[in-house]
């Protein structure tokens, strides 16, 4: 049961090309926003689509794959965990962020040669 305490699985599309950088120590990092559309019928029977945005980050080989094989609009499936952190913005105010830290990615577009 410990393995499913903090687990997230999402299928969606990148809102923009992932921001890729190499961190001190040589570890790769990719950061992007991911849109997930959910469609349902409201009380009047009308089809409604809502879009939910998620902050996503990946490291190492997973980050390199995301950088190399995705672009704005690419469909991906990710599996990972929720992490929360805080930082001080340029005005010195503390900001809090929750993001999905990816440990597996499945590329759903036709350029996808591998799943990690």
PDB file of N, CA and C in Angstrom:
ATOM      1  N   UNK A   1       0.811  -1.191   0.000  1.00  0.00           N
ATOM      2  CA  UNK A   1       0.000   0.000   0.000  1.00  0.00           C
ATOM      3  C   UNK A   1       0.858   1.261   0.000  1.00  0.00           C
ATOM      4  N   UNK A   2       2.094   1.186   0.466  1.00  0.00           N
ATOM      5  CA  UNK A   2       2.963   2.360   0.483  1.00  0.00           C
ATOM      6  C   UNK A   2       3.212   2.916  -0.909  1.00  0.00           C
ATOM      7  N   UNK A   3       3.221   2.048  -1.923  1.00  0.00           N
ATOM      8  CA  UNK A   3       3.535   2.489  -3.281  1.00  0.00           C
ATOM      9  C   UNK A   3       2.454   3.388  -3.873  1.00  0.00           C
ATOM     10  N   UNK A   4       1.234   3.340  -3.337  1.00  0.00           N
ATOM     11  CA  UNK A   4       0.176   4.153  -3.927  1.00  0.00           C
ATOM     12  C   UNK A   4      -0.237   5.336  -3.059  1.00  0.00           C
ATOM     13  N   UNK A   5       0.514   5.637  -2.017  1.00  0.00           N
ATOM     14  CA  UNK A   5       0.171   6.760  -1.148  1.00  0.00           C
ATOM     15  C   UNK A   5       0.259   8.098  -1.864  1.00  0.00           C
ATOM     16  N   UNK A   6       1.233   8.281  -2.701  1.00  0.00           N
ATOM     17  CA  UNK A   6       1.418   9.549  -3.408  1.00  0.00           C
ATOM     18  C   UNK A   6       1.742   9.222  -4.849  1.00  0.00           C
ATOM     19  N   UNK A   7       0.719   8.922  -5.639  1.00  0.00           N
ATOM     20  CA  UNK A   7       0.915   8.537  -7.022  1.00  0.00           C
ATOM     21  C   UNK A   7      -0.059   9.300  -7.912  1.00  0.00           C
ATOM     22  N   UNK A   8       0.454   9.828  -9.012  1.00  0.00           N
ATOM     23  CA  UNK A   8      -0.350  10.594  -9.957  1.00  0.00           C
ATOM     24  C   UNK A   8      -0.129  10.015 -11.350  1.00  0.00           C
ATOM     25  N   UNK A   9      -1.219   9.863 -12.095  1.00  0.00           N
ATOM     26  CA  UNK A   9      -1.138   9.458 -13.494  1.00  0.00           C
ATOM     27  C   UNK A   9      -2.006  10.412 -14.295  1.00  0.00           C
ATOM     28  N   UNK A  10      -1.437  11.009 -15.340  1.00  0.00           N
ATOM     29  CA  UNK A  10      -2.157  11.972 -16.156  1.00  0.00           C
ATOM     30  C   UNK A  10      -1.898  11.708 -17.629  1.00  0.00           C
ATOM     31  N   UNK A  11      -2.902  11.967 -18.447  1.00  0.00           N
ATOM     32  CA  UNK A  11      -2.743  11.971 -19.899  1.00  0.00           C
ATOM     33  C   UNK A  11      -3.231  13.331 -20.366  1.00  0.00           C
ATOM     34  N   UNK A  12      -2.389  14.039 -21.085  1.00  0.00           N
ATOM     35  CA  UNK A  12      -2.767  15.365 -21.554  1.00  0.00           C
ATOM     36  C   UNK A  12      -1.778  15.889 -22.575  1.00  0.00           C
ATOM     37  N   UNK A  13      -1.852  17.193 -22.801  1.00  0.00           N
ATOM     38  CA  UNK A  13      -1.011  17.832 -23.815  1.00  0.00           C
ATOM     39  C   UNK A  13      -0.176  18.947 -23.205  1.00  0.00           C
ATOM     40  N   UNK A  14       1.037  19.099 -23.729  1.00  0.00           N
ATOM     41  CA  UNK A  14       1.921  20.183 -23.281  1.00  0.00           C
ATOM     42  C   UNK A  14       1.360  21.523 -23.740  1.00  0.00           C
ATOM     43  N   UNK A  15       1.323  22.484 -22.824  1.00  0.00           N
ATOM     44  CA  UNK A  15       0.858  23.821 -23.170  1.00  0.00           C
ATOM     45  C   UNK A  15       1.888  24.606 -23.955  1.00  0.00           C
ATOM     46  N   UNK A  16       3.141  24.229 -23.856  1.00  0.00           N
ATOM     47  CA  UNK A  16       4.252  24.864 -24.575  1.00  0.00           C
ATOM     48  C   UNK A  16       5.418  23.883 -24.570  1.00  0.00           C
ATOM     49  N   UNK A  17       6.413  24.161 -25.372  1.00  0.00           N
ATOM     50  CA  UNK A  17       7.632  23.356 -25.359  1.00  0.00           C
ATOM     51  C   UNK A  17       8.201  23.342 -23.946  1.00  0.00           C
ATOM     52  N   UNK A  18       8.623  22.177 -23.470  1.00  0.00           N
ATOM     53  CA  UNK A  18       9.184  22.066 -22.126  1.00  0.00           C
ATOM     54  C   UNK A  18      10.434  22.931 -21.995  1.00  0.00           C
ATOM     55  N   UNK A  19      10.573  23.573 -20.838  1.00  0.00           N
ATOM     56  CA  UNK A  19      11.787  24.335 -20.517  1.00  0.00           C
ATOM     57  C   UNK A  19      12.823  23.319 -20.056  1.00  0.00           C
ATOM     58  N   UNK A  20      13.931  23.225 -20.766  1.00  0.00           N
ATOM     59  CA  UNK A  20      14.963  22.228 -20.467  1.00  0.00           C
ATOM     60  C   UNK A  20      16.222  22.929 -20.014  1.00  0.00           C
ATOM     61  N   UNK A  21      16.841  22.396 -18.971  1.00  0.00           N
ATOM     62  CA  UNK A  21      18.137  22.922 -18.551  1.00  0.00           C
ATOM     63  C   UNK A  21      18.938  21.838 -17.854  1.00  0.00           C
ATOM     64  N   UNK A  22      20.242  22.066 -17.821  1.00  0.00           N
ATOM     65  CA  UNK A  22      21.141  21.172 -17.105  1.00  0.00           C
ATOM     66  C   UNK A  22      21.490  21.847 -15.782  1.00  0.00           C
ATOM     67  N   UNK A  23      21.234  21.155 -14.696  1.00  0.00           N
ATOM     68  CA  UNK A  23      21.475  21.694 -13.364  1.00  0.00           C
ATOM     69  C   UNK A  23      22.938  21.534 -12.969  1.00  0.00           C
ATOM     70  N   UNK A  24      23.334  22.228 -11.900  1.00  0.00           N
ATOM     71  CA  UNK A  24      24.678  22.029 -11.352  1.00  0.00           C
ATOM     72  C   UNK A  24      24.827  20.551 -11.021  1.00  0.00           C
ATOM     73  N   UNK A  25      25.919  19.977 -11.406  1.00  0.00           N
ATOM     74  CA  UNK A  25      26.121  18.551 -11.204  1.00  0.00           C
ATOM     75  C   UNK A  25      25.787  17.740 -12.446  1.00  0.00           C
ATOM     76  N   UNK A  26      25.232  18.394 -13.479  1.00  0.00           N
ATOM     77  CA  UNK A  26      24.999  17.722 -14.749  1.00  0.00           C
ATOM     78  C   UNK A  26      23.655  17.051 -14.921  1.00  0.00           C
ATOM     79  N   UNK A  27      22.764  17.084 -13.919  1.00  0.00           N
ATOM     80  CA  UNK A  27      21.460  16.440 -14.043  1.00  0.00           C
ATOM     81  C   UNK A  27      20.535  17.279 -14.920  1.00  0.00           C
ATOM     82  N   UNK A  28      19.837  16.627 -15.838  1.00  0.00           N
ATOM     83  CA  UNK A  28      18.906  17.315 -16.736  1.00  0.00           C
ATOM     84  C   UNK A  28      17.573  17.531 -16.041  1.00  0.00           C
ATOM     85  N   UNK A  29      16.896  18.638 -16.399  1.00  0.00           N
ATOM     86  CA  UNK A  29      15.573  18.933 -15.860  1.00  0.00           C
ATOM     87  C   UNK A  29      14.698  19.489 -16.974  1.00  0.00           C
ATOM     88  N   UNK A  30      13.456  19.017 -17.046  1.00  0.00           N
ATOM     89  CA  UNK A  30      12.461  19.561 -17.971  1.00  0.00           C
ATOM     90  C   UNK A  30      11.247  19.967 -17.151  1.00  0.00           C
ATOM     91  N   UNK A  31      10.755  21.174 -17.403  1.00  0.00           N
ATOM     92  CA  UNK A  31       9.593  21.704 -16.682  1.00  0.00           C
ATOM     93  C   UNK A  31       8.573  22.168 -17.719  1.00  0.00           C
ATOM     94  N   UNK A  32       7.293  21.789 -17.512  1.00  0.00           N
ATOM     95  CA  UNK A  32       6.253  22.198 -18.462  1.00  0.00           C
ATOM     96  C   UNK A  32       4.885  22.193 -17.787  1.00  0.00           C
ATOM     97  N   UNK A  33       3.937  22.843 -18.457  1.00  0.00           N
ATOM     98  CA  UNK A  33       2.545  22.817 -18.036  1.00  0.00           C
ATOM     99  C   UNK A  33       1.811  21.825 -18.919  1.00  0.00           C
ATOM    100  N   UNK A  34       0.894  21.102 -18.317  1.00  0.00           N
ATOM    101  CA  UNK A  34       0.174  20.052 -19.013  1.00  0.00           C
ATOM    102  C   UNK A  34      -1.319  20.290 -18.869  1.00  0.00           C
ATOM    103  N   UNK A  35      -2.039  20.272 -19.998  1.00  0.00           N
ATOM    104  CA  UNK A  35      -3.487  20.478 -20.000  1.00  0.00           C
ATOM    105  C   UNK A  35      -4.201  19.138 -20.090  1.00  0.00           C
ATOM    106  N   UNK A  36      -5.166  18.944 -19.196  1.00  0.00           N
ATOM    107  CA  UNK A  36      -5.987  17.743 -19.211  1.00  0.00           C
ATOM    108  C   UNK A  36      -7.426  18.193 -19.416  1.00  0.00           C
ATOM    109  N   UNK A  37      -8.060  17.693 -20.473  1.00  0.00           N
ATOM    110  CA  UNK A  37      -9.454  18.035 -20.759  1.00  0.00           C
ATOM    111  C   UNK A  37     -10.379  16.973 -20.197  1.00  0.00           C
ATOM    112  N   UNK A  38     -11.441  17.430 -19.570  1.00  0.00           N
ATOM    113  CA  UNK A  38     -12.457  16.536 -19.026  1.00  0.00           C
ATOM    114  C   UNK A  38     -13.797  16.959 -19.614  1.00  0.00           C
ATOM    115  N   UNK A  39     -14.499  16.021 -20.215  1.00  0.00           N
ATOM    116  CA  UNK A  39     -15.774  16.305 -20.859  1.00  0.00           C
ATOM    117  C   UNK A  39     -16.893  15.580 -20.132  1.00  0.00           C
ATOM    118  N   UNK A  40     -17.992  16.274 -19.949  1.00  0.00           N
ATOM    119  CA  UNK A  40     -19.171  15.692 -19.307  1.00  0.00           C
ATOM    120  C   UNK A  40     -20.414  16.411 -19.807  1.00  0.00           C
ATOM    121  N   UNK A  41     -21.565  15.869 -19.478  1.00  0.00           N
ATOM    122  CA  UNK A  41     -22.834  16.523 -19.811  1.00  0.00           C
ATOM    123  C   UNK A  41     -23.385  17.173 -18.559  1.00  0.00           C
ATOM    124  N   UNK A  42     -23.802  18.430 -18.706  1.00  0.00           N
ATOM    125  CA  UNK A  42     -24.364  19.148 -17.557  1.00  0.00           C
ATOM    126  C   UNK A  42     -25.833  18.757 -17.355  1.00  0.00           C
ATOM    127  N   UNK A  43     -26.507  19.409 -16.419  1.00  0.00           N
ATOM    128  CA  UNK A  43     -27.890  19.078 -16.078  1.00  0.00           C
ATOM    129  C   UNK A  43     -28.843  19.266 -17.261  1.00  0.00           C
ATOM    130  N   UNK A  44     -28.485  20.144 -18.191  1.00  0.00           N
ATOM    131  CA  UNK A  44     -29.322  20.381 -19.377  1.00  0.00           C
ATOM    132  C   UNK A  44     -29.010  19.407 -20.510  1.00  0.00           C
ATOM    133  N   UNK A  45     -28.047  18.517 -20.298  1.00  0.00           N
ATOM    134  CA  UNK A  45     -27.656  17.557 -21.330  1.00  0.00           C
ATOM    135  C   UNK A  45     -26.653  18.106 -22.321  1.00  0.00           C
ATOM    136  N   UNK A  46     -26.124  19.296 -22.057  1.00  0.00           N
ATOM    137  CA  UNK A  46     -25.142  19.905 -22.949  1.00  0.00           C
ATOM    138  C   UNK A  46     -23.753  19.368 -22.651  1.00  0.00           C
ATOM    139  N   UNK A  47     -22.986  19.173 -23.704  1.00  0.00           N
ATOM    140  CA  UNK A  47     -21.606  18.719 -23.554  1.00  0.00           C
ATOM    141  C   UNK A  47     -20.744  19.882 -23.062  1.00  0.00           C
ATOM    142  N   UNK A  48     -20.016  19.666 -21.978  1.00  0.00           N
ATOM    143  CA  UNK A  48     -19.150  20.683 -21.394  1.00  0.00           C
ATOM    144  C   UNK A  48     -17.731  20.118 -21.297  1.00  0.00           C
ATOM    145  N   UNK A  49     -16.761  20.915 -21.719  1.00  0.00           N
ATOM    146  CA  UNK A  49     -15.355  20.515 -21.591  1.00  0.00           C
ATOM    147  C   UNK A  49     -14.657  21.494 -20.663  1.00  0.00           C
ATOM    148  N   UNK A  50     -14.017  20.955 -19.645  1.00  0.00           N
ATOM    149  CA  UNK A  50     -13.217  21.763 -18.733  1.00  0.00           C
ATOM    150  C   UNK A  50     -11.753  21.362 -18.897  1.00  0.00           C
ATOM    151  N   UNK A  51     -10.878  22.356 -18.836  1.00  0.00           N
ATOM    152  CA  UNK A  51      -9.448  22.103 -18.945  1.00  0.00           C
ATOM    153  C   UNK A  51      -8.783  22.377 -17.612  1.00  0.00           C
ATOM    154  N   UNK A  52      -8.004  21.410 -17.151  1.00  0.00           N
ATOM    155  CA  UNK A  52      -7.240  21.548 -15.906  1.00  0.00           C
ATOM    156  C   UNK A  52      -5.765  21.603 -16.266  1.00  0.00           C
ATOM    157  N   UNK A  53      -5.036  22.546 -15.659  1.00  0.00           N
ATOM    158  CA  UNK A  53      -3.612  22.728 -15.926  1.00  0.00           C
ATOM    159  C   UNK A  53      -2.795  22.224 -14.737  1.00  0.00           C
ATOM    160  N   UNK A  54      -1.712  21.520 -15.044  1.00  0.00           N
ATOM    161  CA  UNK A  54      -0.837  20.974 -14.013  1.00  0.00           C
ATOM    162  C   UNK A  54       0.599  21.374 -14.303  1.00  0.00           C
ATOM    163  N   UNK A  55       1.332  21.743 -13.251  1.00  0.00           N
ATOM    164  CA  UNK A  55       2.769  22.005 -13.346  1.00  0.00           C
ATOM    165  C   UNK A  55       3.479  20.658 -13.244  1.00  0.00           C
ATOM    166  N   UNK A  56       4.396  20.401 -14.174  1.00  0.00           N
ATOM    167  CA  UNK A  56       5.065  19.101 -14.251  1.00  0.00           C
ATOM    168  C   UNK A  56       6.564  19.314 -14.354  1.00  0.00           C
ATOM    169  N   UNK A  57       7.344  18.459 -13.685  1.00  0.00           N
ATOM    170  CA  UNK A  57       8.797  18.522 -13.756  1.00  0.00           C
ATOM    171  C   UNK A  57       9.347  17.102 -13.859  1.00  0.00           C
ATOM    172  N   UNK A  58      10.403  16.946 -14.656  1.00  0.00           N
ATOM    173  CA  UNK A  58      11.064  15.647 -14.811  1.00  0.00           C
ATOM    174  C   UNK A  58      12.569  15.852 -14.752  1.00  0.00           C
ATOM    175  N   UNK A  59      13.274  14.818 -14.348  1.00  0.00           N
ATOM    176  CA  UNK A  59      14.726  14.889 -14.213  1.00  0.00           C
ATOM    177  C   UNK A  59      15.392  13.747 -14.964  1.00  0.00           C
ATOM    178  N   UNK A  60      16.692  13.892 -15.210  1.00  0.00           N
ATOM    179  CA  UNK A  60      17.510  12.825 -15.784  1.00  0.00           C
ATOM    180  C   UNK A  60      17.103  12.444 -17.195  1.00  0.00           C
ATOM    181  N   UNK A  61      17.143  11.154 -17.475  1.00  0.00           N
ATOM    182  CA  UNK A  61      16.845  10.625 -18.813  1.00  0.00           C
ATOM    183  C   UNK A  61      15.411  10.951 -19.225  1.00  0.00           C
ATOM    184  N   UNK A  62      14.482  10.936 -18.266  1.00  0.00           N
ATOM    185  CA  UNK A  62      13.088  11.268 -18.568  1.00  0.00           C
ATOM    186  C   UNK A  62      13.002  12.702 -19.091  1.00  0.00           C
ATOM    187  N   UNK A  63      13.722  13.629 -18.474  1.00  0.00           N
ATOM    188  CA  UNK A  63      13.742  15.022 -18.924  1.00  0.00           C
ATOM    189  C   UNK A  63      14.328  15.125 -20.333  1.00  0.00           C
ATOM    190  N   UNK A  64      15.373  14.379 -20.607  1.00  0.00           N
ATOM    191  CA  UNK A  64      15.994  14.413 -21.930  1.00  0.00           C
ATOM    192  C   UNK A  64      15.034  13.914 -23.007  1.00  0.00           C
ATOM    193  N   UNK A  65      14.280  12.870 -22.705  1.00  0.00           N
ATOM    194  CA  UNK A  65      13.299  12.325 -23.654  1.00  0.00           C
ATOM    195  C   UNK A  65      12.204  13.350 -23.918  1.00  0.00           C
ATOM    196  N   UNK A  66      11.713  13.978 -22.863  1.00  0.00           N
ATOM    197  CA  UNK A  66      10.668  14.997 -23.026  1.00  0.00           C
ATOM    198  C   UNK A  66      11.177  16.145 -23.889  1.00  0.00           C
ATOM    199  N   UNK A  67      12.407  16.580 -23.639  1.00  0.00           N
ATOM    200  CA  UNK A  67      12.976  17.679 -24.416  1.00  0.00           C
ATOM    201  C   UNK A  67      13.129  17.304 -25.884  1.00  0.00           C
ATOM    202  N   UNK A  68      13.611  16.115 -26.144  1.00  0.00           N
ATOM    203  CA  UNK A  68      13.935  15.708 -27.512  1.00  0.00           C
ATOM    204  C   UNK A  68      12.700  15.381 -28.354  1.00  0.00           C
ATOM    205  N   UNK A  69      11.671  14.801 -27.737  1.00  0.00           N
ATOM    206  CA  UNK A  69      10.574  14.247 -28.528  1.00  0.00           C
ATOM    207  C   UNK A  69       9.226  14.932 -28.342  1.00  0.00           C
ATOM    208  N   UNK A  70       9.167  16.030 -27.586  1.00  0.00           N
ATOM    209  CA  UNK A  70       7.879  16.712 -27.417  1.00  0.00           C
ATOM    210  C   UNK A  70       7.974  18.171 -27.814  1.00  0.00           C
ATOM    211  N   UNK A  71       6.813  18.749 -28.038  1.00  0.00           N
ATOM    212  CA  UNK A  71       6.704  20.167 -28.364  1.00  0.00           C
ATOM    213  C   UNK A  71       5.335  20.626 -27.870  1.00  0.00           C
ATOM    214  N   UNK A  72       5.024  21.867 -28.073  1.00  0.00           N
ATOM    215  CA  UNK A  72       3.712  22.386 -27.700  1.00  0.00           C
ATOM    216  C   UNK A  72       2.626  21.524 -28.346  1.00  0.00           C
ATOM    217  N   UNK A  73       1.674  21.073 -27.544  1.00  0.00           N
ATOM    218  CA  UNK A  73       0.573  20.270 -28.053  1.00  0.00           C
ATOM    219  C   UNK A  73       0.819  18.777 -28.060  1.00  0.00           C
ATOM    220  N   UNK A  74       2.050  18.339 -27.789  1.00  0.00           N
ATOM    221  CA  UNK A  74       2.339  16.900 -27.762  1.00  0.00           C
ATOM    222  C   UNK A  74       1.518  16.218 -26.676  1.00  0.00           C
ATOM    223  N   UNK A  75       0.965  15.064 -27.017  1.00  0.00           N
ATOM    224  CA  UNK A  75       0.203  14.298 -26.031  1.00  0.00           C
ATOM    225  C   UNK A  75       1.142  13.326 -25.316  1.00  0.00           C
ATOM    226  N   UNK A  76       1.094  13.337 -23.991  1.00  0.00           N
ATOM    227  CA  UNK A  76       1.925  12.454 -23.184  1.00  0.00           C
ATOM    228  C   UNK A  76       1.114  11.871 -22.037  1.00  0.00           C
ATOM    229  N   UNK A  77       1.550  10.727 -21.579  1.00  0.00           N
ATOM    230  CA  UNK A  77       1.043  10.149 -20.338  1.00  0.00           C
ATOM    231  C   UNK A  77       2.208  10.193 -19.358  1.00  0.00           C
ATOM    232  N   UNK A  78       1.951  10.684 -18.156  1.00  0.00           N
ATOM    233  CA  UNK A  78       2.999  10.747 -17.145  1.00  0.00           C
ATOM    234  C   UNK A  78       2.549  10.046 -15.880  1.00  0.00           C
ATOM    235  N   UNK A  79       3.523   9.508 -15.173  1.00  0.00           N
ATOM    236  CA  UNK A  79       3.282   8.888 -13.883  1.00  0.00           C
ATOM    237  C   UNK A  79       4.327   9.440 -12.932  1.00  0.00           C
ATOM    238  N   UNK A  80       3.900   9.813 -11.736  1.00  0.00           N
ATOM    239  CA  UNK A  80       4.835  10.370 -10.777  1.00  0.00           C
ATOM    240  C   UNK A  80       4.173  10.613  -9.446  1.00  0.00           C
ATOM    241  N   UNK A  81       4.649  11.658  -8.750  1.00  0.00           N
ATOM    242  CA  UNK A  81       4.104  11.977  -7.434  1.00  0.00           C
ATOM    243  C   UNK A  81       3.934  13.482  -7.303  1.00  0.00           C
ATOM    244  N   UNK A  82       3.065  13.899  -6.386  1.00  0.00           N
ATOM    245  CA  UNK A  82       2.890  15.312  -6.095  1.00  0.00           C
ATOM    246  C   UNK A  82       3.960  15.756  -5.116  1.00  0.00           C
ATOM    247  N   UNK A  83       4.589  16.894  -5.421  1.00  0.00           N
ATOM    248  CA  UNK A  83       5.555  17.493  -4.508  1.00  0.00           C
ATOM    249  C   UNK A  83       5.195  18.965  -4.337  1.00  0.00           C
ATOM    250  N   UNK A  84       5.392  19.480  -3.141  1.00  0.00           N
ATOM    251  CA  UNK A  84       5.151  20.892  -2.847  1.00  0.00           C
ATOM    252  C   UNK A  84       6.454  21.516  -2.394  1.00  0.00           C
ATOM    253  N   UNK A  85       6.654  22.761  -2.785  1.00  0.00           N
ATOM    254  CA  UNK A  85       7.856  23.479  -2.388  1.00  0.00           C
ATOM    255  C   UNK A  85       7.527  24.962  -2.294  1.00  0.00           C
ATOM    256  N   UNK A  86       8.430  25.701  -1.719  1.00  0.00           N
ATOM    257  CA  UNK A  86       8.251  27.147  -1.628  1.00  0.00           C
ATOM    258  C   UNK A  86       9.527  27.831  -2.099  1.00  0.00           C
ATOM    259  N   UNK A  87       9.372  29.089  -2.504  1.00  0.00           N
ATOM    260  CA  UNK A  87      10.506  29.902  -2.924  1.00  0.00           C
ATOM    261  C   UNK A  87      10.154  31.365  -2.692  1.00  0.00           C
ATOM    262  N   UNK A  88      11.159  32.219  -2.693  1.00  0.00           N
ATOM    263  CA  UNK A  88      10.946  33.653  -2.565  1.00  0.00           C
ATOM    264  C   UNK A  88      11.006  34.276  -3.952  1.00  0.00           C
ATOM    265  N   UNK A  89       9.973  35.052  -4.309  1.00  0.00           N
ATOM    266  CA  UNK A  89       9.972  35.696  -5.617  1.00  0.00           C
ATOM    267  C   UNK A  89      10.920  36.899  -5.626  1.00  0.00           C
ATOM    268  N   UNK A  90      10.984  37.593  -6.750  1.00  0.00           N
ATOM    269  CA  UNK A  90      11.931  38.711  -6.871  1.00  0.00           C
ATOM    270  C   UNK A  90      11.609  39.863  -5.940  1.00  0.00           C
ATOM    271  N   UNK A  91      10.393  39.905  -5.379  1.00  0.00           N
ATOM    272  CA  UNK A  91      10.005  40.935  -4.406  1.00  0.00           C
ATOM    273  C   UNK A  91      10.179  40.468  -2.962  1.00  0.00           C
ATOM    274  N   UNK A  92      10.729  39.245  -2.803  1.00  0.00           N
ATOM    275  CA  UNK A  92      10.962  38.718  -1.471  1.00  0.00           C
ATOM    276  C   UNK A  92       9.753  38.060  -0.829  1.00  0.00           C
ATOM    277  N   UNK A  93       8.658  37.903  -1.581  1.00  0.00           N
ATOM    278  CA  UNK A  93       7.469  37.255  -1.036  1.00  0.00           C
ATOM    279  C   UNK A  93       7.556  35.751  -1.226  1.00  0.00           C
ATOM    280  N   UNK A  94       7.170  35.017  -0.199  1.00  0.00           N
ATOM    281  CA  UNK A  94       7.200  33.564  -0.259  1.00  0.00           C
ATOM    282  C   UNK A  94       6.057  33.065  -1.131  1.00  0.00           C
ATOM    283  N   UNK A  95       6.382  32.205  -2.086  1.00  0.00           N
ATOM    284  CA  UNK A  95       5.406  31.597  -2.990  1.00  0.00           C
ATOM    285  C   UNK A  95       5.444  30.088  -2.785  1.00  0.00           C
ATOM    286  N   UNK A  96       4.292  29.461  -2.968  1.00  0.00           N
ATOM    287  CA  UNK A  96       4.170  28.017  -2.811  1.00  0.00           C
ATOM    288  C   UNK A  96       3.699  27.412  -4.130  1.00  0.00           C
ATOM    289  N   UNK A  97       4.235  26.247  -4.450  1.00  0.00           N
ATOM    290  CA  UNK A  97       3.865  25.583  -5.698  1.00  0.00           C
ATOM    291  C   UNK A  97       3.753  24.082  -5.449  1.00  0.00           C
ATOM    292  N   UNK A  98       2.785  23.471  -6.094  1.00  0.00           N
ATOM    293  CA  UNK A  98       2.642  22.020  -6.091  1.00  0.00           C
ATOM    294  C   UNK A  98       2.776  21.564  -7.536  1.00  0.00           C
ATOM    295  N   UNK A  99       3.581  20.550  -7.759  1.00  0.00           N
ATOM    296  CA  UNK A  99       3.802  20.062  -9.117  1.00  0.00           C
ATOM    297  C   UNK A  99       3.883  18.546  -9.129  1.00  0.00           C
ATOM    298  N   UNK A 100       3.719  17.983 -10.316  1.00  0.00           N
ATOM    299  CA  UNK A 100       3.855  16.545 -10.517  1.00  0.00           C
ATOM    300  C   UNK A 100       5.307  16.283 -10.881  1.00  0.00           C
ATOM    301  N   UNK A 101       5.981  15.469 -10.066  1.00  0.00           N
ATOM    302  CA  UNK A 101       7.363  15.082 -10.353  1.00  0.00           C
ATOM    303  C   UNK A 101       7.315  13.729 -11.060  1.00  0.00           C
ATOM    304  N   UNK A 102       7.666  13.740 -12.326  1.00  0.00           N
ATOM    305  CA  UNK A 102       7.505  12.578 -13.202  1.00  0.00           C
ATOM    306  C   UNK A 102       8.637  11.580 -13.013  1.00  0.00           C
ATOM    307  N   UNK A 103       8.280  10.299 -12.938  1.00  0.00           N
ATOM    308  CA  UNK A 103       9.309   9.265 -12.982  1.00  0.00           C
ATOM    309  C   UNK A 103       9.131   8.331 -14.185  1.00  0.00           C
ATOM    310  N   UNK A 104       7.971   8.435 -14.873  1.00  0.00           N
ATOM    311  CA  UNK A 104       7.755   7.676 -16.110  1.00  0.00           C
ATOM    312  C   UNK A 104       6.986   8.539 -17.086  1.00  0.00           C
ATOM    313  N   UNK A 105       7.329   8.430 -18.369  1.00  0.00           N
ATOM    314  CA  UNK A 105       6.599   9.156 -19.408  1.00  0.00           C
ATOM    315  C   UNK A 105       6.347   8.215 -20.580  1.00  0.00           C
ATOM    316  N   UNK A 106       5.170   8.338 -21.155  1.00  0.00           N
ATOM    317  CA  UNK A 106       4.820   7.595 -22.375  1.00  0.00           C
ATOM    318  C   UNK A 106       4.453   8.638 -23.413  1.00  0.00           C
ATOM    319  N   UNK A 107       5.185   8.655 -24.514  1.00  0.00           N
ATOM    320  CA  UNK A 107       4.945   9.626 -25.579  1.00  0.00           C
ATOM    321  C   UNK A 107       3.856   9.076 -26.478  1.00  0.00           C
ATOM    322  N   UNK A 108       2.797   9.843 -26.652  1.00  0.00           N
ATOM    323  CA  UNK A 108       1.627   9.355 -27.373  1.00  0.00           C
ATOM    324  C   UNK A 108       1.586   9.843 -28.822  1.00  0.00           C
ATOM    325  N   UNK A 109       2.560  10.664 -29.241  1.00  0.00           N
ATOM    326  CA  UNK A 109       2.557  11.164 -30.608  1.00  0.00           C
ATOM    327  C   UNK A 109       3.329  10.225 -31.522  1.00  0.00           C
ATOM    328  N   UNK A 110       3.268  10.491 -32.818  1.00  0.00           N
ATOM    329  CA  UNK A 110       3.910   9.583 -33.777  1.00  0.00           C
ATOM    330  C   UNK A 110       5.422   9.666 -33.827  1.00  0.00           C
ATOM    331  N   UNK A 111       6.045  10.673 -33.188  1.00  0.00           N
ATOM    332  CA  UNK A 111       7.509  10.758 -33.142  1.00  0.00           C
ATOM    333  C   UNK A 111       8.097   9.920 -32.010  1.00  0.00           C
ATOM    334  N   UNK A 112       7.238   9.317 -31.194  1.00  0.00           N
ATOM    335  CA  UNK A 112       7.680   8.668 -29.971  1.00  0.00           C
ATOM    336  C   UNK A 112       8.353   7.315 -30.235  1.00  0.00           C
ATOM    337  N   UNK A 113       9.661   7.197 -30.026  1.00  0.00           N
ATOM    338  CA  UNK A 113      10.331   5.919 -30.253  1.00  0.00           C
ATOM    339  C   UNK A 113      10.375   5.057 -28.995  1.00  0.00           C
ATOM    340  N   UNK A 114      10.228   5.643 -27.818  1.00  0.00           N
ATOM    341  CA  UNK A 114      10.426   4.882 -26.580  1.00  0.00           C
ATOM    342  C   UNK A 114       9.460   5.322 -25.505  1.00  0.00           C
ATOM    343  N   UNK A 115       9.266   4.440 -24.559  1.00  0.00           N
ATOM    344  CA  UNK A 115       8.566   4.792 -23.313  1.00  0.00           C
ATOM    345  C   UNK A 115       9.578   4.649 -22.212  1.00  0.00           C
ATOM    346  N   UNK A 116       9.553   5.538 -21.248  1.00  0.00           N
ATOM    347  CA  UNK A 116      10.493   5.473 -20.121  1.00  0.00           C
ATOM    348  C   UNK A 116       9.712   5.374 -18.853  1.00  0.00           C
TER     349      UNK A 116
END
